[in-house]
N, C-alpha and C. Protein backbone atom coordinates (compact mmCIF):
# COMPACT_ATOMS: atom_id res chain seq x y z
N MET A 1 121.16 76.59 137.80
CA MET A 1 121.25 76.57 136.65
C MET A 1 123.03 76.59 136.58
N SER A 2 123.52 75.89 135.57
CA SER A 2 125.26 76.20 135.53
C SER A 2 125.29 76.86 134.86
N ILE A 3 126.92 77.69 134.63
CA ILE A 3 127.17 78.47 133.42
C ILE A 3 126.85 78.07 131.98
N ARG A 4 127.35 76.57 131.99
CA ARG A 4 127.36 75.82 130.67
C ARG A 4 125.73 75.31 130.32
N ASN A 5 125.36 75.38 131.56
CA ASN A 5 123.72 75.12 131.07
C ASN A 5 122.92 75.80 130.72
N SER A 6 123.06 77.04 131.23
CA SER A 6 122.31 78.76 131.05
C SER A 6 122.95 78.83 129.60
N LYS A 7 124.31 78.54 129.26
CA LYS A 7 124.68 79.07 127.90
C LYS A 7 123.90 77.95 127.05
N GLN A 8 123.86 76.88 126.99
CA GLN A 8 123.30 75.94 126.10
C GLN A 8 121.82 76.34 126.05
N ALA A 9 121.11 76.63 126.93
CA ALA A 9 119.75 77.01 127.13
C ALA A 9 119.56 78.25 126.17
N LEU A 10 120.29 78.78 126.37
CA LEU A 10 120.30 80.40 125.49
C LEU A 10 120.41 80.17 123.84
N TYR A 11 121.63 79.18 123.56
CA TYR A 11 121.65 78.90 122.43
C TYR A 11 120.33 78.22 121.63
N GLU A 12 120.00 77.11 122.57
CA GLU A 12 118.59 76.49 122.18
C GLU A 12 117.35 77.79 121.67
N GLN A 13 117.59 78.66 122.30
CA GLN A 13 116.53 79.63 121.82
C GLN A 13 116.86 80.40 120.80
N PHE A 14 118.26 80.65 120.55
CA PHE A 14 118.59 81.15 119.29
C PHE A 14 118.11 80.25 118.28
N ALA A 15 118.45 79.02 118.47
CA ALA A 15 118.33 77.74 117.41
C ALA A 15 116.78 78.01 116.88
N ILE A 16 116.00 78.33 117.94
CA ILE A 16 114.43 78.21 117.59
C ILE A 16 114.25 79.29 116.38
N VAL A 17 114.73 80.31 116.27
CA VAL A 17 114.71 81.50 115.72
C VAL A 17 115.35 81.21 114.17
N ALA A 18 116.53 80.21 114.18
CA ALA A 18 117.55 79.86 113.03
C ALA A 18 116.49 79.10 112.31
N LYS A 19 116.05 78.09 113.16
CA LYS A 19 115.15 76.89 112.68
C LYS A 19 114.12 77.47 111.58
N ALA A 20 113.30 78.28 112.45
CA ALA A 20 112.16 79.19 112.02
C ALA A 20 112.44 79.80 110.51
N LEU A 21 113.63 80.18 110.38
CA LEU A 21 113.98 80.88 109.25
C LEU A 21 114.41 80.13 108.10
N GLY A 22 115.00 78.68 108.31
CA GLY A 22 115.59 78.01 107.42
C GLY A 22 114.58 77.28 106.49
N HIS A 23 113.67 78.34 105.77
CA HIS A 23 112.62 77.12 104.85
C HIS A 23 112.36 78.40 103.82
N PRO A 24 112.79 77.96 102.87
CA PRO A 24 112.48 79.02 101.08
C PRO A 24 111.04 79.75 101.38
N LEU A 25 110.22 78.90 101.59
CA LEU A 25 108.71 79.83 101.80
C LEU A 25 108.61 80.67 102.63
N ARG A 26 109.11 80.16 103.81
CA ARG A 26 109.20 81.16 105.14
C ARG A 26 110.02 82.68 104.48
N LEU A 27 111.05 82.23 104.03
CA LEU A 27 111.65 83.56 103.65
C LEU A 27 111.15 84.25 102.59
N GLU A 28 110.20 83.98 101.97
CA GLU A 28 109.41 84.46 100.69
C GLU A 28 108.65 85.20 101.45
N MET A 29 107.84 84.64 102.29
CA MET A 29 106.72 85.12 103.07
C MET A 29 107.42 86.42 104.05
N ILE A 30 108.41 86.25 104.24
CA ILE A 30 108.99 87.46 105.06
C ILE A 30 109.39 88.66 104.21
N GLU A 31 109.59 88.45 102.90
CA GLU A 31 109.73 89.44 101.81
C GLU A 31 108.58 90.34 101.62
N HIS A 32 107.40 89.40 101.36
CA HIS A 32 106.06 90.03 101.31
C HIS A 32 105.50 90.73 102.49
N LEU A 33 105.69 90.24 103.69
CA LEU A 33 105.19 90.87 104.80
C LEU A 33 106.22 92.09 105.08
N ALA A 34 107.24 92.28 104.48
CA ALA A 34 107.93 93.41 104.81
C ALA A 34 107.51 94.42 103.83
N GLN A 35 106.49 94.27 102.91
CA GLN A 35 105.84 95.19 102.45
C GLN A 35 104.85 95.55 103.08
N GLY A 36 104.19 95.15 104.16
CA GLY A 36 103.01 95.42 104.80
C GLY A 36 102.00 94.16 105.10
N ALA A 37 101.48 94.73 106.32
CA ALA A 37 100.57 93.64 107.16
C ALA A 37 99.36 92.79 105.96
N ARG A 38 99.82 91.42 105.88
CA ARG A 38 98.68 90.62 105.07
C ARG A 38 97.86 89.71 106.13
N SER A 39 96.63 89.44 105.60
CA SER A 39 96.03 88.38 106.16
C SER A 39 96.39 87.16 105.53
N VAL A 40 96.13 85.95 106.36
CA VAL A 40 96.47 84.55 105.90
C VAL A 40 95.90 84.67 104.75
N GLU A 41 94.77 84.80 104.25
CA GLU A 41 94.21 84.43 102.66
C GLU A 41 95.24 85.41 101.69
N ALA A 42 95.39 86.51 101.76
CA ALA A 42 96.26 87.48 101.02
C ALA A 42 97.34 86.97 100.87
N LEU A 43 98.23 86.63 101.64
CA LEU A 43 99.52 86.12 101.48
C LEU A 43 99.41 84.93 100.68
N ALA A 44 98.56 84.10 101.17
CA ALA A 44 98.32 82.86 100.08
C ALA A 44 97.98 83.08 98.73
N ALA A 45 97.39 83.89 98.64
CA ALA A 45 96.82 84.33 96.99
C ALA A 45 98.25 84.87 96.35
N LYS A 46 98.90 85.46 96.98
CA LYS A 46 100.08 86.35 96.58
C LYS A 46 101.33 85.37 96.24
N LEU A 47 101.35 84.10 97.09
CA LEU A 47 102.15 83.08 96.95
C LEU A 47 101.93 81.86 96.17
N GLY A 48 100.87 81.72 95.90
CA GLY A 48 99.74 80.61 95.12
C GLY A 48 99.98 79.47 95.83
N GLN A 49 99.97 79.63 97.10
CA GLN A 49 99.66 78.49 98.19
C GLN A 49 98.60 78.12 98.81
N PRO A 50 98.20 77.04 99.34
CA PRO A 50 97.11 76.91 100.29
C PRO A 50 96.80 77.44 101.27
N ILE A 51 95.78 78.06 101.68
CA ILE A 51 95.77 78.99 102.74
C ILE A 51 96.38 78.22 104.17
N ALA A 52 96.06 76.90 104.12
CA ALA A 52 96.38 75.95 105.29
C ALA A 52 98.07 76.09 105.55
N ASN A 53 98.65 75.71 104.37
CA ASN A 53 99.78 75.64 104.23
C ASN A 53 100.56 76.89 104.72
N ILE A 54 99.95 78.12 104.52
CA ILE A 54 100.79 79.28 104.56
C ILE A 54 100.14 79.73 106.34
N SER A 55 99.13 79.35 106.70
CA SER A 55 98.80 79.43 108.16
C SER A 55 99.68 78.68 108.95
N GLN A 56 100.21 77.38 108.52
CA GLN A 56 101.14 76.67 109.61
C GLN A 56 102.58 77.35 109.40
N HIS A 57 102.71 77.83 108.51
CA HIS A 57 104.23 78.29 108.25
C HIS A 57 104.38 79.54 109.16
N LEU A 58 102.97 80.45 109.05
CA LEU A 58 102.93 81.88 109.74
C LEU A 58 102.88 81.46 111.27
N GLN A 59 102.25 80.26 111.81
CA GLN A 59 102.13 80.09 113.16
C GLN A 59 103.54 79.54 113.88
N ALA A 60 104.35 78.65 112.88
CA ALA A 60 106.07 78.65 113.19
C ALA A 60 106.68 79.88 113.51
N LEU A 61 106.28 80.92 112.19
CA LEU A 61 107.00 82.07 112.45
C LEU A 61 106.76 82.76 113.86
N ARG A 62 105.66 82.85 114.02
CA ARG A 62 104.76 83.42 115.09
C ARG A 62 105.44 82.82 116.37
N ARG A 63 105.51 81.48 116.41
CA ARG A 63 105.97 81.06 117.99
C ARG A 63 107.76 81.68 117.89
N ALA A 64 108.22 81.83 117.08
CA ALA A 64 109.53 82.13 117.10
C ALA A 64 109.73 83.77 117.23
N GLY A 65 108.90 84.22 117.51
CA GLY A 65 108.63 85.66 117.36
C GLY A 65 109.16 86.53 116.45
N ILE A 66 109.04 86.01 115.35
CA ILE A 66 109.49 86.52 113.68
C ILE A 66 108.37 87.63 113.32
N VAL A 67 106.92 86.72 113.12
CA VAL A 67 106.12 87.74 113.09
C VAL A 67 105.02 88.00 114.38
N SER A 68 104.36 89.27 113.98
CA SER A 68 103.19 89.24 114.98
C SER A 68 101.96 89.61 114.07
N ALA A 69 101.16 89.31 115.46
CA ALA A 69 99.45 89.17 114.56
C ALA A 69 98.28 90.37 115.13
N GLU A 70 97.50 90.70 114.52
CA GLU A 70 96.64 91.47 114.94
C GLU A 70 95.05 91.17 114.47
N ARG A 71 94.28 91.02 115.09
CA ARG A 71 92.73 90.62 114.99
C ARG A 71 92.20 91.90 114.20
N ASP A 72 91.58 91.78 112.90
CA ASP A 72 90.55 92.91 112.66
C ASP A 72 89.39 92.17 112.17
N GLY A 73 88.28 92.31 112.69
CA GLY A 73 87.10 91.54 112.32
C GLY A 73 87.29 90.07 112.44
N LYS A 74 86.67 89.67 111.21
CA LYS A 74 87.01 88.10 110.98
C LYS A 74 88.63 87.96 110.78
N PHE A 75 89.22 88.79 110.25
CA PHE A 75 90.49 88.45 109.57
C PHE A 75 91.76 88.69 110.83
N VAL A 76 92.72 87.79 110.61
CA VAL A 76 93.88 88.13 111.49
C VAL A 76 95.24 88.82 110.48
N HIS A 77 95.58 89.77 110.82
CA HIS A 77 96.58 90.31 109.69
C HIS A 77 98.24 90.26 110.37
N TYR A 78 99.04 89.80 109.76
CA TYR A 78 100.44 89.34 110.13
C TYR A 78 101.42 90.43 109.71
N SER A 79 102.18 90.57 110.17
CA SER A 79 103.30 91.72 109.84
C SER A 79 104.72 91.05 110.72
N LEU A 80 105.86 91.69 110.26
CA LEU A 80 107.11 91.33 110.66
C LEU A 80 106.94 91.87 112.34
N ALA A 81 107.76 91.22 113.17
CA ALA A 81 107.72 91.65 114.69
C ALA A 81 108.30 93.00 114.75
N ASP A 82 109.39 93.31 114.03
CA ASP A 82 109.87 94.60 114.25
C ASP A 82 111.13 94.65 112.83
N GLU A 83 111.80 95.50 112.93
CA GLU A 83 113.14 95.72 111.83
C GLU A 83 114.09 94.82 111.96
N SER A 84 114.34 94.28 113.28
CA SER A 84 115.36 93.33 113.25
C SER A 84 115.26 91.85 112.32
N VAL A 85 114.18 91.57 112.11
CA VAL A 85 113.74 90.56 111.21
C VAL A 85 114.20 90.84 109.75
N LEU A 86 114.07 92.01 109.11
CA LEU A 86 114.47 92.16 108.07
C LEU A 86 115.99 92.39 108.12
N SER A 87 116.59 92.62 109.16
CA SER A 87 117.98 92.79 109.24
C SER A 87 118.86 91.11 109.32
N ALA A 88 117.56 90.42 109.92
CA ALA A 88 118.31 88.80 110.12
C ALA A 88 118.33 88.47 108.62
N PHE A 89 117.25 88.63 107.72
CA PHE A 89 116.91 88.20 106.08
C PHE A 89 117.77 88.58 105.79
N ALA A 90 118.32 89.87 105.81
CA ALA A 90 119.40 90.48 104.85
C ALA A 90 120.77 89.81 105.29
N ALA A 91 120.94 89.38 106.59
CA ALA A 91 122.30 88.91 107.00
C ALA A 91 122.57 87.79 106.36
N ILE A 92 121.34 86.77 106.44
CA ILE A 92 121.38 85.35 105.51
C ILE A 92 121.81 85.71 104.55
N ARG A 93 121.01 86.59 103.54
CA ARG A 93 121.33 86.83 101.90
C ARG A 93 122.71 86.91 101.75
N GLY A 94 122.93 88.10 102.72
CA GLY A 94 124.75 88.19 102.73
C GLY A 94 125.62 87.01 102.48
N VAL A 95 125.46 86.52 103.62
CA VAL A 95 126.18 85.23 103.71
C VAL A 95 126.18 84.06 102.49
N ALA A 96 124.95 83.96 102.20
CA ALA A 96 124.92 82.97 100.83
C ALA A 96 125.35 83.67 99.56
N GLU A 97 125.32 85.20 99.53
CA GLU A 97 125.88 85.76 98.41
C GLU A 97 127.26 85.51 98.33
N ARG A 98 127.93 85.47 99.63
CA ARG A 98 129.56 85.59 99.47
C ARG A 98 129.92 84.38 99.52
N ARG A 99 129.18 83.25 100.11
CA ARG A 99 129.96 81.86 100.35
C ARG A 99 129.31 80.80 99.59
N LEU A 100 128.24 80.94 98.73
CA LEU A 100 127.70 79.90 97.99
C LEU A 100 127.66 79.64 96.52
N ALA A 101 128.69 79.33 95.87
CA ALA A 101 128.53 79.23 94.52
C ALA A 101 127.36 79.21 93.77
N GLU A 102 126.35 78.43 94.12
CA GLU A 102 125.51 78.45 93.49
C GLU A 102 124.43 79.63 93.28
N VAL A 103 124.57 80.31 94.53
CA VAL A 103 124.16 82.04 94.40
C VAL A 103 124.73 82.61 93.05
N ASP A 104 125.98 82.38 93.15
CA ASP A 104 126.85 83.16 92.07
C ASP A 104 126.34 82.61 90.85
N ARG A 105 126.15 81.38 90.47
CA ARG A 105 125.65 80.69 89.20
C ARG A 105 124.30 81.43 89.03
N ILE A 106 123.26 81.52 89.90
CA ILE A 106 122.11 81.93 89.52
C ILE A 106 122.05 83.53 89.23
N VAL A 107 122.81 84.40 89.97
CA VAL A 107 123.14 85.70 89.77
C VAL A 107 123.52 85.99 88.20
N ARG A 108 124.40 85.12 87.88
CA ARG A 108 125.15 85.43 86.78
C ARG A 108 124.10 84.99 85.41
N GLY A 109 123.57 83.93 86.05
CA GLY A 109 122.72 83.04 84.76
C GLY A 109 121.34 83.83 84.42
N TYR A 110 120.72 84.38 85.50
CA TYR A 110 119.65 84.98 85.21
C TYR A 110 119.51 86.54 85.44
N PHE A 111 119.75 87.04 86.56
CA PHE A 111 119.86 88.45 86.98
C PHE A 111 120.81 89.23 86.00
N ASP A 112 122.09 88.77 86.14
CA ASP A 112 123.04 89.73 85.31
C ASP A 112 122.70 89.69 83.83
N ALA A 113 122.27 88.41 83.26
CA ALA A 113 121.59 88.24 81.92
C ALA A 113 120.58 89.66 81.80
N ARG A 114 120.04 89.91 82.64
CA ARG A 114 118.90 91.06 82.51
C ARG A 114 119.51 92.70 82.75
N ASP A 115 120.34 92.64 83.91
CA ASP A 115 120.84 93.77 84.56
C ASP A 115 122.30 93.81 85.06
N ALA A 116 123.35 93.78 84.39
CA ALA A 116 124.30 93.71 84.73
C ALA A 116 125.30 95.17 85.32
N MET A 117 124.00 96.26 84.86
CA MET A 117 124.53 97.50 85.53
C MET A 117 124.97 97.84 86.91
N ARG A 118 125.46 98.92 87.48
CA ARG A 118 125.35 98.88 88.92
C ARG A 118 124.34 99.71 89.20
N PRO A 119 123.50 99.09 90.01
CA PRO A 119 122.27 99.87 90.36
C PRO A 119 122.70 101.24 91.29
N VAL A 120 121.09 101.90 91.14
CA VAL A 120 121.40 103.39 91.97
C VAL A 120 121.39 102.98 93.37
N THR A 121 122.22 103.84 94.30
CA THR A 121 122.05 103.89 95.50
C THR A 121 120.95 104.46 96.44
N ARG A 122 120.74 104.51 97.23
CA ARG A 122 119.66 105.68 97.84
C ARG A 122 119.81 106.84 97.95
N GLY A 123 121.30 107.22 98.47
CA GLY A 123 121.64 108.72 98.39
C GLY A 123 121.52 109.23 97.17
N GLU A 124 121.93 108.45 95.90
CA GLU A 124 121.89 108.86 94.36
C GLU A 124 120.54 109.27 93.91
N LEU A 125 119.69 108.16 94.22
CA LEU A 125 118.47 108.11 94.01
C LEU A 125 117.78 109.75 94.58
N GLN A 126 118.06 109.90 95.75
CA GLN A 126 117.78 111.20 96.54
C GLN A 126 118.08 112.44 95.48
N ALA A 127 119.24 112.50 95.42
CA ALA A 127 119.73 113.40 94.62
C ALA A 127 119.39 113.64 93.31
N LEU A 128 119.19 112.56 92.70
CA LEU A 128 118.40 112.87 91.20
C LEU A 128 117.24 112.99 91.15
N MET A 129 116.40 112.55 92.08
CA MET A 129 114.89 113.03 92.18
C MET A 129 114.86 114.60 92.70
N ARG A 130 115.95 114.89 93.74
CA ARG A 130 115.78 116.58 94.07
C ARG A 130 116.08 117.24 92.79
N ASP A 131 116.96 116.92 91.75
CA ASP A 131 117.16 117.65 90.47
C ASP A 131 116.27 117.41 89.44
N GLY A 132 115.21 116.58 89.86
CA GLY A 132 114.21 116.22 88.53
C GLY A 132 114.77 115.52 87.59
N LEU A 133 115.92 114.51 87.61
CA LEU A 133 116.94 114.08 86.52
C LEU A 133 116.24 112.62 85.77
N VAL A 134 114.97 112.10 86.93
CA VAL A 134 114.76 110.49 86.74
C VAL A 134 113.67 110.56 87.11
N THR A 135 112.74 109.58 86.48
CA THR A 135 111.20 109.15 86.64
C THR A 135 111.61 107.93 87.55
N LEU A 136 110.90 107.82 88.65
CA LEU A 136 110.89 106.74 89.59
C LEU A 136 109.66 106.00 89.39
N ILE A 137 110.04 104.51 88.90
CA ILE A 137 108.78 103.56 88.96
C ILE A 137 108.72 102.52 90.28
N ASP A 138 107.56 102.22 90.66
CA ASP A 138 107.32 101.15 91.70
C ASP A 138 106.74 100.21 91.00
N VAL A 139 107.80 99.27 90.68
CA VAL A 139 106.98 97.78 89.85
C VAL A 139 106.23 96.66 90.34
N ARG A 140 105.77 97.07 92.01
CA ARG A 140 105.26 96.35 92.52
C ARG A 140 103.58 96.42 92.09
N PRO A 141 102.92 95.34 92.76
CA PRO A 141 101.31 95.77 92.54
C PRO A 141 100.97 96.70 93.08
N ALA A 142 99.59 97.10 92.74
CA ALA A 142 98.95 98.29 92.97
C ALA A 142 98.80 98.38 94.93
N ASP A 143 98.33 97.01 95.47
CA ASP A 143 98.01 96.77 96.87
C ASP A 143 99.29 97.20 97.55
N GLU A 144 100.25 96.65 97.16
CA GLU A 144 101.68 96.72 97.81
C GLU A 144 102.09 98.04 97.53
N PHE A 145 101.85 98.86 96.65
CA PHE A 145 102.46 100.15 96.32
C PHE A 145 101.60 101.14 97.43
N ALA A 146 100.29 100.77 97.77
CA ALA A 146 99.46 101.49 98.32
C ALA A 146 99.69 101.62 100.07
N LEU A 147 100.43 100.61 100.33
CA LEU A 147 100.71 100.27 101.64
C LEU A 147 102.14 101.08 101.96
N GLY A 148 102.91 101.64 101.42
CA GLY A 148 103.81 102.33 101.32
C GLY A 148 104.73 102.62 100.20
N HIS A 149 105.37 103.80 99.55
CA HIS A 149 106.16 103.72 98.52
C HIS A 149 107.00 104.86 98.67
N VAL A 150 108.03 105.16 97.62
CA VAL A 150 109.22 106.28 98.02
C VAL A 150 108.23 107.35 97.28
N PRO A 151 108.30 108.52 98.03
CA PRO A 151 107.46 109.87 97.76
C PRO A 151 108.16 110.00 96.21
N GLY A 152 107.18 110.43 95.34
CA GLY A 152 107.53 110.59 94.01
C GLY A 152 107.34 109.55 92.97
N ALA A 153 107.51 108.39 93.30
CA ALA A 153 107.13 107.25 92.50
C ALA A 153 105.83 107.06 91.76
N ILE A 154 106.03 106.80 90.82
CA ILE A 154 104.64 106.40 90.06
C ILE A 154 104.82 104.50 89.86
N ASN A 155 103.24 104.36 90.30
CA ASN A 155 103.31 102.81 90.37
C ASN A 155 102.99 102.04 88.95
N VAL A 156 103.88 101.63 88.46
CA VAL A 156 103.72 100.85 87.02
C VAL A 156 104.01 99.30 87.34
N PRO A 157 103.01 98.47 87.82
CA PRO A 157 103.11 97.18 87.71
C PRO A 157 103.74 96.72 86.43
N LEU A 158 104.64 95.44 86.52
CA LEU A 158 105.50 94.84 85.57
C LEU A 158 104.51 94.39 84.41
N SER A 159 103.22 94.10 84.47
CA SER A 159 102.61 93.75 83.32
C SER A 159 102.22 95.14 82.82
N GLU A 160 102.20 96.47 82.95
CA GLU A 160 102.01 97.57 82.46
C GLU A 160 102.86 98.34 81.75
N ILE A 161 104.14 97.94 81.94
CA ILE A 161 105.54 98.50 81.54
C ILE A 161 105.56 98.81 80.11
N LYS A 162 104.99 98.12 79.50
CA LYS A 162 104.82 98.14 77.88
C LYS A 162 104.11 99.41 77.52
N ALA A 163 102.93 99.42 78.06
CA ALA A 163 101.84 100.53 77.76
C ALA A 163 102.11 101.74 78.47
N TRP A 164 103.10 101.71 79.27
CA TRP A 164 103.51 103.04 80.21
C TRP A 164 104.63 103.64 79.35
N SER A 165 105.31 102.82 78.87
CA SER A 165 106.51 103.09 78.15
C SER A 165 106.36 104.18 76.78
N GLY A 166 104.94 103.61 76.53
CA GLY A 166 104.90 104.66 75.29
C GLY A 166 104.37 106.02 75.49
N GLY A 167 104.42 106.60 76.67
CA GLY A 167 103.90 108.01 76.66
C GLY A 167 105.27 108.31 77.60
N ALA A 168 106.06 107.46 77.91
CA ALA A 168 107.03 108.31 78.92
C ALA A 168 107.99 108.96 78.17
N ASP A 169 109.03 109.77 78.69
CA ASP A 169 110.20 110.77 77.94
C ASP A 169 111.43 109.96 77.86
N THR A 170 111.67 109.55 76.63
CA THR A 170 112.96 108.63 76.58
C THR A 170 114.06 109.44 76.90
N GLY A 171 114.02 110.83 76.92
CA GLY A 171 115.23 111.31 77.42
C GLY A 171 115.40 111.52 78.73
N LYS A 172 114.75 110.86 79.39
CA LYS A 172 114.62 110.92 80.90
C LYS A 172 115.01 109.53 81.52
N GLU A 173 115.95 109.55 82.26
CA GLU A 173 116.29 108.29 82.73
C GLU A 173 115.53 107.74 83.80
N VAL A 174 115.03 106.37 83.68
CA VAL A 174 114.12 105.60 84.53
C VAL A 174 114.87 104.73 85.66
N VAL A 175 114.29 104.89 87.03
CA VAL A 175 114.97 104.13 87.57
C VAL A 175 113.53 103.23 88.60
N ALA A 176 113.76 101.83 88.76
CA ALA A 176 112.77 101.00 88.89
C ALA A 176 113.27 100.31 90.11
N TYR A 177 112.26 99.92 91.18
CA TYR A 177 112.42 99.24 92.36
C TYR A 177 111.53 98.55 92.55
N CYS A 178 111.58 97.54 93.52
CA CYS A 178 109.97 96.41 93.84
C CYS A 178 110.40 96.14 95.27
N ARG A 179 110.27 94.75 95.62
CA ARG A 179 110.35 94.32 96.78
C ARG A 179 111.55 94.32 97.68
N GLY A 180 112.90 94.12 97.24
CA GLY A 180 114.18 93.97 97.58
C GLY A 180 115.07 93.92 96.49
N PRO A 181 116.54 93.84 96.65
CA PRO A 181 117.49 93.76 95.84
C PRO A 181 117.60 92.71 94.92
N TRP A 182 116.80 91.22 95.26
CA TRP A 182 116.43 90.44 94.00
C TRP A 182 115.34 90.21 93.52
N CYS A 183 114.63 91.12 93.75
CA CYS A 183 113.52 90.93 93.17
C CYS A 183 113.21 91.14 91.98
N VAL A 184 112.81 89.90 91.28
CA VAL A 184 112.82 89.55 89.78
C VAL A 184 112.23 90.86 88.93
N MET A 185 111.05 91.33 89.46
CA MET A 185 110.17 92.20 88.78
C MET A 185 110.75 93.41 88.42
N SER A 186 112.01 93.96 89.15
CA SER A 186 112.69 95.37 89.12
C SER A 186 113.86 95.07 87.77
N PHE A 187 114.23 93.74 87.69
CA PHE A 187 115.22 93.26 86.86
C PHE A 187 114.52 92.93 85.26
N GLU A 188 113.29 92.51 85.25
CA GLU A 188 112.74 92.43 84.45
C GLU A 188 112.24 93.69 83.45
N ALA A 189 111.72 94.65 84.50
CA ALA A 189 111.15 95.98 84.11
C ALA A 189 112.29 96.79 83.36
N VAL A 190 113.52 96.53 84.12
CA VAL A 190 114.79 97.34 83.47
C VAL A 190 114.83 96.71 82.03
N ALA A 191 115.17 95.50 82.14
CA ALA A 191 115.42 94.89 80.80
C ALA A 191 114.23 95.20 79.51
N SER A 192 113.13 95.40 80.14
CA SER A 192 112.00 95.86 78.94
C SER A 192 112.28 97.04 78.69
N LEU A 193 112.33 98.03 79.51
CA LEU A 193 112.58 99.36 79.38
C LEU A 193 113.66 99.70 78.04
N ARG A 194 114.98 99.02 78.36
CA ARG A 194 115.99 99.34 77.55
C ARG A 194 115.46 98.79 76.17
N SER A 195 114.90 97.54 76.12
CA SER A 195 114.73 97.28 74.70
C SER A 195 113.61 97.99 74.05
N LEU A 196 112.70 98.95 75.04
CA LEU A 196 111.82 99.96 74.43
C LEU A 196 112.50 101.35 74.11
N GLY A 197 113.91 101.17 74.35
CA GLY A 197 114.28 102.68 74.00
C GLY A 197 114.68 103.67 75.33
N HIS A 198 114.62 102.92 76.22
CA HIS A 198 114.61 103.89 77.61
C HIS A 198 115.93 103.57 78.10
N SER A 199 116.52 104.75 78.67
CA SER A 199 117.66 104.52 79.76
C SER A 199 116.98 104.13 81.10
N ALA A 200 117.70 102.73 81.21
CA ALA A 200 117.04 102.67 82.94
C ALA A 200 117.69 101.82 83.86
N ARG A 201 117.91 101.62 84.75
CA ARG A 201 118.74 101.37 85.99
C ARG A 201 117.43 101.03 86.82
N ARG A 202 117.88 99.94 88.01
CA ARG A 202 117.54 99.38 89.32
C ARG A 202 118.03 100.20 90.38
N LEU A 203 117.13 100.53 91.22
CA LEU A 203 117.55 100.70 92.62
C LEU A 203 118.20 99.63 93.40
N GLU A 204 119.23 99.88 94.14
CA GLU A 204 120.15 99.03 94.61
C GLU A 204 119.36 97.87 95.84
N ASP A 205 118.30 98.37 96.20
CA ASP A 205 117.42 97.19 97.06
C ASP A 205 115.88 97.60 96.66
N GLY A 206 115.06 97.60 97.77
CA GLY A 206 113.49 97.66 97.74
C GLY A 206 112.88 98.60 98.74
N MET A 207 111.83 98.42 98.65
CA MET A 207 111.00 99.16 99.60
C MET A 207 111.14 98.89 100.95
N PRO A 208 111.49 97.73 101.85
CA PRO A 208 111.69 97.54 102.98
C PRO A 208 112.75 98.26 103.55
N GLU A 209 114.17 97.84 102.62
CA GLU A 209 115.53 98.70 102.72
C GLU A 209 115.08 99.91 102.87
N TRP A 210 114.71 100.70 102.36
CA TRP A 210 113.98 102.19 102.00
C TRP A 210 113.40 102.71 103.50
N LYS A 211 112.54 102.31 103.85
CA LYS A 211 111.84 102.10 105.12
C LYS A 211 112.78 101.97 106.48
N ALA A 212 113.63 100.99 106.18
CA ALA A 212 114.49 100.52 107.37
C ALA A 212 115.28 101.39 107.58
N ALA A 213 115.82 102.61 106.60
CA ALA A 213 116.73 103.32 106.48
C ALA A 213 116.39 104.56 107.13
N GLY A 214 115.06 104.94 107.40
CA GLY A 214 114.42 105.82 108.04
C GLY A 214 114.19 106.93 107.14
N LEU A 215 114.10 106.41 105.95
CA LEU A 215 113.76 107.33 104.72
C LEU A 215 112.09 107.80 104.55
N PRO A 216 111.64 108.64 104.07
CA PRO A 216 110.13 109.06 104.09
C PRO A 216 109.48 108.29 103.48
N VAL A 217 108.12 107.79 103.44
CA VAL A 217 107.27 107.13 102.84
C VAL A 217 106.30 107.64 102.99
N GLU A 218 105.55 107.18 101.67
CA GLU A 218 103.87 107.52 101.16
C GLU A 218 103.13 106.51 101.44
N ILE A 219 101.87 106.92 101.70
CA ILE A 219 101.13 105.86 101.98
C ILE A 219 99.75 106.21 101.27
N VAL A 220 99.18 105.53 100.40
CA VAL A 220 97.80 105.88 99.56
C VAL A 220 96.78 105.86 100.72
N ALA A 221 95.72 106.63 101.04
CA ALA A 221 94.86 106.87 101.88
C ALA A 221 93.79 105.85 100.82
């Protein structure tokens, strides 16, 4: 094989991965699988999609080496192949944030309207937690919290924010996080908490990024 043909063959393989990532539903599936392994059935329920549709997309991701599968009895559980998948997802997101005007329009129109404050960095959160200055809440559903969460976090799903806030200390700042930097739930949670009289901010990203940074994770046994 010539040098030119070898390079072309290599780029064709790179394109397989890029093509597999080029679908909005698959990117959303990656965000969910970044929380922990899921069966086809569980992932379909999370996304409100037919099982057959999710199964087809998972097979495309698997062929591209983006997800791996492990059988557990009657069920097959899928997970991200490794941390490089999350890095690729972040790279795609970063280019879109910097270069696409429509992304800026969506951020300004929806996300900034709910929380335009600078989020808390991971380093800042660790210092605040160490000094007991904040209450950290994980606003993901309970099953995702059980798969892994930031040590010391309290699970308060978005639907329970109002009830939880009634007994929370309004004199202590609340930091909320969920699936990632553009996870709607943390934006909604912070907006709701502020309307209820709390000082609240978001963590700069989510649980997958926390884990990828090598920081400690707690799992509900």
